[in-house]
Amino acid sequence: MLGVVFMSDTSSETNQVSNASTTPVGQNDGVNFSERANDVMGKVNETLNRVDWNQMGKYGKAFGIVAIVIIAQVIIKGVIDTINLLPVVPGLLELLGVVVLGQWSWQNLTTSDKRNAVVERVQNLRKEYLG
Protein backbone atom coordinates (compact mmCIF):
# COMPACT_ATOMS: atom_id res chain seq x y z
CA MET A 1 0.00 0.00 0.00
CA LEU A 2 2.98 2.25 -0.37
CA GLY A 3 2.50 4.75 -3.11
CA VAL A 4 3.04 8.33 -4.05
CA VAL A 5 0.68 10.71 -2.29
CA PHE A 6 0.16 14.07 -3.91
CA MET A 7 -0.85 17.19 -2.04
CA SER A 8 -4.30 17.24 -3.59
CA ASP A 9 -4.95 13.59 -2.68
CA THR A 10 -4.33 13.92 1.05
CA SER A 11 -7.22 13.06 3.29
CA SER A 12 -7.49 11.71 6.77
CA GLU A 13 -7.55 8.16 5.38
CA THR A 14 -4.37 8.56 3.33
CA ASN A 15 -2.66 10.28 6.25
CA GLN A 16 -3.49 7.30 8.46
CA VAL A 17 -2.12 4.89 5.87
CA SER A 18 1.05 6.93 5.40
CA ASN A 19 1.51 7.25 9.17
CA ALA A 20 1.02 3.53 9.64
CA SER A 21 3.58 2.77 6.95
CA THR A 22 6.19 5.09 8.47
CA THR A 23 6.21 3.53 11.94
CA PRO A 24 9.32 1.45 12.48
CA VAL A 25 8.84 -2.22 11.79
CA GLY A 26 9.37 -4.42 14.82
CA GLN A 27 8.80 -1.72 17.39
CA ASN A 28 5.98 -3.61 19.12
CA ASP A 29 6.79 -7.08 17.79
CA GLY A 30 8.68 -8.09 20.94
CA VAL A 31 5.74 -7.29 23.18
CA ASN A 32 3.22 -8.97 20.88
CA PHE A 33 5.41 -12.04 20.45
CA SER A 34 5.96 -12.49 24.18
CA GLU A 35 2.24 -12.08 24.85
CA ARG A 36 1.37 -14.62 22.16
CA ALA A 37 4.04 -17.02 23.43
CA ASN A 38 2.67 -16.74 26.97
CA ASP A 39 -0.87 -17.38 25.70
CA VAL A 40 0.22 -20.43 23.70
CA MET A 41 2.24 -21.87 26.59
CA GLY A 42 -0.71 -21.31 28.93
CA LYS A 43 -3.02 -23.22 26.59
CA VAL A 44 -0.47 -26.03 26.21
CA ASN A 45 -0.12 -26.30 30.01
CA GLU A 46 -3.90 -26.37 30.45
CA THR A 47 -4.22 -29.15 27.87
CA LEU A 48 -1.42 -31.19 29.43
CA ASN A 49 -2.95 -30.79 32.89
CA ARG A 50 -6.23 -32.30 31.63
CA VAL A 51 -4.51 -35.51 30.47
CA ASP A 52 -4.68 -38.50 32.84
CA TRP A 53 -1.07 -39.67 32.61
CA ASN A 54 -1.74 -42.85 34.59
CA GLN A 55 -3.82 -44.26 31.74
CA MET A 56 -1.42 -43.47 28.90
CA GLY A 57 0.12 -46.97 28.84
CA LYS A 58 2.58 -48.20 26.28
CA TYR A 59 1.34 -45.96 23.45
CA GLY A 60 1.97 -42.84 25.48
CA LYS A 61 5.42 -44.05 26.44
CA ALA A 62 6.23 -44.92 22.82
CA PHE A 63 5.05 -41.50 21.66
CA GLY A 64 7.15 -39.83 24.36
CA ILE A 65 10.24 -41.77 23.36
CA VAL A 66 9.73 -40.90 19.69
CA ALA A 67 9.25 -37.22 20.57
CA ILE A 68 12.41 -37.17 22.69
CA VAL A 69 14.41 -38.88 19.92
CA ILE A 70 13.18 -36.33 17.36
CA ILE A 71 14.08 -33.41 19.64
CA ALA A 72 17.51 -34.92 20.35
CA GLN A 73 18.15 -35.35 16.62
CA VAL A 74 17.24 -31.72 15.94
CA ILE A 75 19.61 -30.57 18.70
CA ILE A 76 22.41 -32.82 17.46
CA LYS A 77 21.92 -31.56 13.90
CA GLY A 78 22.17 -27.98 15.14
CA VAL A 79 25.40 -28.72 17.00
CA ILE A 80 26.92 -30.51 14.00
CA ASP A 81 25.90 -27.71 11.64
CA THR A 82 27.49 -25.19 14.00
CA ILE A 83 30.70 -27.23 14.13
CA ASN A 84 30.74 -27.43 10.33
CA LEU A 85 30.70 -23.64 10.15
CA LEU A 86 34.10 -23.49 11.84
CA PRO A 87 36.79 -23.75 9.16
CA VAL A 88 39.30 -26.15 10.77
CA VAL A 89 37.19 -28.27 13.14
CA PRO A 90 35.51 -30.64 10.60
CA GLY A 91 38.88 -31.65 9.16
CA LEU A 92 40.33 -32.22 12.62
CA LEU A 93 37.34 -34.38 13.58
CA GLU A 94 37.78 -36.47 10.43
CA LEU A 95 41.46 -36.91 11.24
CA LEU A 96 40.54 -37.89 14.81
CA GLY A 97 38.11 -40.50 13.46
CA VAL A 98 40.77 -41.98 11.19
CA VAL A 99 43.27 -42.12 14.07
CA VAL A 100 40.79 -43.80 16.43
CA LEU A 101 39.79 -46.33 13.75
CA GLY A 102 43.44 -47.08 13.02
CA GLN A 103 44.26 -47.54 16.69
CA TRP A 104 41.26 -49.85 17.26
CA SER A 105 42.14 -51.85 14.14
CA TRP A 106 45.76 -52.22 15.27
CA GLN A 107 44.69 -53.43 18.71
CA ASN A 108 41.93 -55.80 17.55
CA LEU A 109 42.69 -56.99 14.02
CA THR A 110 46.45 -57.59 13.76
CA THR A 111 46.46 -61.32 14.55
CA SER A 112 44.02 -64.11 13.68
CA ASP A 113 43.29 -64.76 17.38
CA LYS A 114 42.27 -61.13 17.89
CA ARG A 115 40.13 -61.19 14.72
CA ASN A 116 38.39 -64.39 15.88
CA ALA A 117 37.74 -62.79 19.27
CA VAL A 118 36.11 -59.79 17.58
CA VAL A 119 33.95 -62.08 15.43
CA GLU A 120 32.86 -64.01 18.54
CA ARG A 121 31.95 -60.78 20.38
CA VAL A 122 29.87 -59.61 17.42
CA GLN A 123 28.08 -62.98 17.18
CA ASN A 124 27.39 -62.96 20.93
CA LEU A 125 25.93 -59.47 20.68
CA ARG A 126 23.73 -60.54 17.76
CA LYS A 127 22.45 -63.56 19.72
CA GLU A 128 21.83 -61.43 22.81
CA TYR A 129 19.89 -58.69 21.06
CA LEU A 130 18.33 -60.46 18.08
CA GLY A 131 17.62 -63.80 19.75
Foldseek 3Di string as FASTA:
>chain_A
DDDDDDPVRDDPVVVVVVVVVPDDPPPCVVVVVVVVVVVVVVVVVVVVVPDDVVPCPPVNVVVVVVVVVVVVVVVVVVVVVVQVVDDCRVVVVVVVVVVVVVVVCVVQPPDPVSVVVVVVVVVVVCVVPVD
